[in-house]
Protein backbone atom coordinates (compact mmCIF):
# COMPACT_ATOMS: atom_id res chain seq x y z
CA UNK A 1 3.64 19.49 0.86
CA UNK A 2 2.84 15.97 0.93
CA UNK A 3 5.67 13.39 0.30
CA UNK A 4 4.72 10.55 -2.64
CA UNK A 5 6.91 7.40 -3.13
CA UNK A 6 6.72 5.29 -6.13
CA UNK A 7 8.67 2.57 -4.08
CA UNK A 8 8.70 1.79 -0.24
CA UNK A 9 10.68 -1.42 1.48
CA UNK A 10 11.90 -2.09 5.09
CA UNK A 11 14.15 -4.80 5.57
CA UNK A 12 15.21 -6.59 8.72
CA UNK A 13 17.62 -8.88 9.60
CA UNK A 14 14.90 -11.60 10.79
CA UNK A 15 16.74 -14.84 9.39
CA UNK A 16 15.78 -17.55 11.90
CA UNK A 17 19.92 -18.62 11.92
CA UNK A 18 20.72 -15.37 12.97
CA UNK A 19 18.20 -15.51 16.11
CA UNK A 20 19.62 -18.80 16.40
CA UNK A 21 22.99 -17.76 16.52
CA UNK A 22 22.57 -14.99 19.04
CA UNK A 23 20.59 -17.03 21.68
CA UNK A 24 23.28 -19.49 21.76
CA UNK A 25 25.42 -16.80 22.29
CA UNK A 26 23.38 -15.52 25.04
CA UNK A 27 23.08 -18.72 26.69
CA UNK A 28 26.86 -19.34 27.06
CA UNK A 29 27.03 -15.77 28.30
CA UNK A 30 24.15 -16.17 30.69
CA UNK A 31 25.31 -19.68 32.00
CA UNK A 32 29.00 -17.76 32.49
CA UNK A 33 27.48 -15.62 34.45
CA UNK A 34 25.09 -18.06 36.57
CA UNK A 35 27.74 -20.08 37.27
CA UNK A 36 30.16 -17.72 38.12
CA UNK A 37 27.93 -15.83 40.49
CA UNK A 38 28.27 -15.50 44.42
CA UNK A 39 27.57 -12.95 47.17
CA UNK A 40 31.23 -11.08 46.58
CA UNK A 41 30.97 -10.53 42.94
CA UNK A 42 27.56 -9.75 42.62
CA UNK A 43 27.89 -6.30 41.57
CA UNK A 44 29.20 -5.09 37.98
CA UNK A 45 30.57 -8.65 37.42
CA UNK A 46 26.93 -9.72 36.97
CA UNK A 47 25.75 -6.56 35.82
CA UNK A 48 27.94 -5.95 32.75
CA UNK A 49 27.52 -9.27 30.58
CA UNK A 50 23.66 -9.08 30.78
CA UNK A 51 23.78 -5.13 30.14
CA UNK A 52 25.89 -5.98 27.33
CA UNK A 53 23.51 -8.69 26.11
CA UNK A 54 20.56 -7.27 26.30
CA UNK A 55 21.93 -3.84 24.41
CA UNK A 56 23.30 -6.09 21.67
CA UNK A 57 20.11 -7.35 21.27
CA UNK A 58 17.81 -4.57 21.10
CA UNK A 59 20.67 -2.74 18.77
CA UNK A 60 20.60 -5.89 16.24
CA UNK A 61 16.38 -5.73 16.47
CA UNK A 62 16.38 -2.25 15.68
CA UNK A 63 18.62 -2.67 12.27
CA UNK A 64 16.56 -1.89 9.33
CA UNK A 65 17.50 -0.75 5.25
CA UNK A 66 15.04 1.37 4.27
CA UNK A 67 14.36 2.26 0.70
CA UNK A 68 12.27 4.81 -0.85
CA UNK A 69 12.21 5.86 -4.70
CA UNK A 70 10.20 8.81 -5.92
CA UNK A 71 10.24 11.14 -8.79
CA UNK A 72 13.23 12.96 -6.72
CA UNK A 73 15.53 10.05 -6.34
CA UNK A 74 16.10 7.03 -4.29
CA UNK A 75 16.47 7.60 -0.87
CA UNK A 76 17.92 4.97 1.72
CA UNK A 77 18.64 4.90 5.13
CA UNK A 78 20.13 2.03 7.42
CA UNK A 79 19.30 2.54 10.55
CA UNK A 80 21.00 2.93 13.02
CA UNK A 81 23.81 4.20 11.30
CA UNK A 82 22.06 6.74 9.38
CA UNK A 83 19.63 8.50 11.35
CA UNK A 84 18.44 10.62 8.41
CA UNK A 85 17.72 9.53 4.83
CA UNK A 86 20.52 9.85 1.96
CA UNK A 87 18.80 10.73 -0.99
CA UNK A 88 20.80 9.94 -4.49
CA UNK A 89 19.30 12.70 -7.03
CA UNK A 90 18.38 11.24 -10.50
CA UNK A 91 20.58 13.99 -11.59
CA UNK A 92 23.42 11.89 -10.44
CA UNK A 93 22.75 8.74 -11.52
CA UNK A 94 24.51 7.20 -14.87
CA UNK A 95 23.02 4.31 -14.64
CA UNK A 96 20.57 2.22 -12.73
CA UNK A 97 19.40 -1.54 -12.69
CA UNK A 98 18.29 -4.45 -10.37
CA UNK A 99 20.10 -7.26 -10.67
CA UNK A 100 21.48 -10.45 -9.00
CA UNK A 101 24.79 -10.57 -7.05
CA UNK A 102 26.74 -12.50 -5.04
CA UNK A 103 26.37 -10.91 -1.21
CA UNK A 104 29.42 -12.92 0.19
CA UNK A 105 32.14 -12.71 -3.11
CA UNK A 106 31.10 -9.33 -4.31
CA UNK A 107 30.79 -7.71 -0.76
CA UNK A 108 31.84 -10.30 1.97
CA UNK A 109 28.63 -10.53 3.52
CA UNK A 110 25.40 -8.35 4.26
CA UNK A 111 25.51 -5.04 6.36
CA UNK A 112 27.19 -1.94 5.11
CA UNK A 113 29.97 -3.16 3.07
CA UNK A 114 32.58 -2.04 0.71
CA UNK A 115 33.17 -4.43 -2.49
CA UNK A 116 35.93 -5.97 -3.75
CA UNK A 117 37.56 -4.88 -7.20
CA UNK A 118 35.24 -2.47 -8.29
CA UNK A 119 31.65 -3.25 -7.11
CA UNK A 120 31.30 -0.28 -4.65
CA UNK A 121 29.57 0.06 -1.81
CA UNK A 122 26.78 -2.15 -0.43
CA UNK A 123 23.44 -1.77 1.90
CA UNK A 124 21.45 -5.36 2.35
CA UNK A 125 20.05 -7.11 5.10
CA UNK A 126 19.58 -10.62 3.16
CA UNK A 127 18.81 -11.91 -0.25
CA UNK A 128 21.06 -12.18 -3.42
CA UNK A 129 18.84 -9.24 -5.39
CA UNK A 130 19.56 -5.30 -5.64
CA UNK A 131 19.66 -1.75 -7.20
CA UNK A 132 22.53 -1.09 -8.55
CA UNK A 133 23.35 2.89 -8.94
CA UNK A 134 26.21 4.02 -10.97
CA UNK A 135 26.86 7.73 -10.20
CA UNK A 136 28.18 10.38 -12.51
CA UNK A 137 31.61 10.38 -10.40
CA UNK A 138 31.64 6.54 -11.13
CA UNK A 139 31.02 5.61 -7.23
CA UNK A 140 28.66 2.42 -7.19
CA UNK A 141 25.98 1.65 -4.97
CA UNK A 142 24.53 -1.53 -4.47
CA UNK A 143 21.11 -1.49 -2.16
CA UNK A 144 19.93 -4.76 -1.29
CA UNK A 145 15.91 -5.87 -1.81
CA UNK A 146 13.23 -8.41 -1.35
CA UNK A 147 11.05 -6.87 -3.81
CA UNK A 148 12.94 -7.23 -7.31
CA UNK A 149 10.07 -7.26 -9.26
CA UNK A 150 8.18 -4.39 -8.17
CA UNK A 151 11.84 -2.53 -8.06
CA UNK A 152 12.42 -3.33 -11.43
CA UNK A 153 8.83 -1.97 -12.71
CA UNK A 154 9.40 1.20 -10.87
CA UNK A 155 12.67 1.81 -11.90
CA UNK A 156 11.33 1.28 -15.74
CA UNK A 157 8.37 2.99 -15.40
CA UNK A 158 10.42 6.13 -13.66
CA UNK A 159 12.76 5.99 -17.05
CA UNK A 160 10.15 6.23 -19.09
CA UNK A 161 8.77 9.06 -17.57
CA UNK A 162 12.05 11.11 -17.91
CA UNK A 163 12.58 9.87 -21.48
CA UNK A 164 9.49 11.64 -22.25
CA UNK A 165 10.63 14.85 -20.90
CA UNK A 166 13.55 14.55 -22.95
C-alpha cells in the first residue's frame, strides 16, 4: 500500500547562533586539551574530551523534527528521541489549529518541552508558529512549523473533507 501525505516537513537546528555557540564551546575544550597535553597524560585524558565533542556535535546535527499529515492523522517524530513516528489519529482530536506561540514564555524554549499553565507538550526546533492539537482526553500538543500557511491550508482542506462525510 502506497503512503500518501498531504503535508510533510522536516526541521533541523540550523540557526547560525546555535552552531556559533557550539563552535565556541568546542574551541574552549580543544584549547584546554591541547594546552594540558603532555606525554604522561596522552591516553584517555586526551581522548575523552575529543570523543565527547565529536559525539555531542554529531548528535546535535542529527536532531530533526518530522511532521506528516494525511487522512489518517498527524504523524510526528523528534529524532533521535523518537525512533518511530507517533500517530495522532483524527478520531482522537477535539480541536486543531495553526497558531502563533511564545516558545520561551509558554514552553521554556525549543526542543521537547512541557508547557507551563496548561499549555501541554511541545515539539519545536525554531520559530514561533505551530500546530496546536487538543485531544479528546484534554491533553495538548504543539508541533512547531516553518510552513504555517501551507499547514493551515492542508488542515482546512482535511476539515472540509470530514465535514462532507458527516
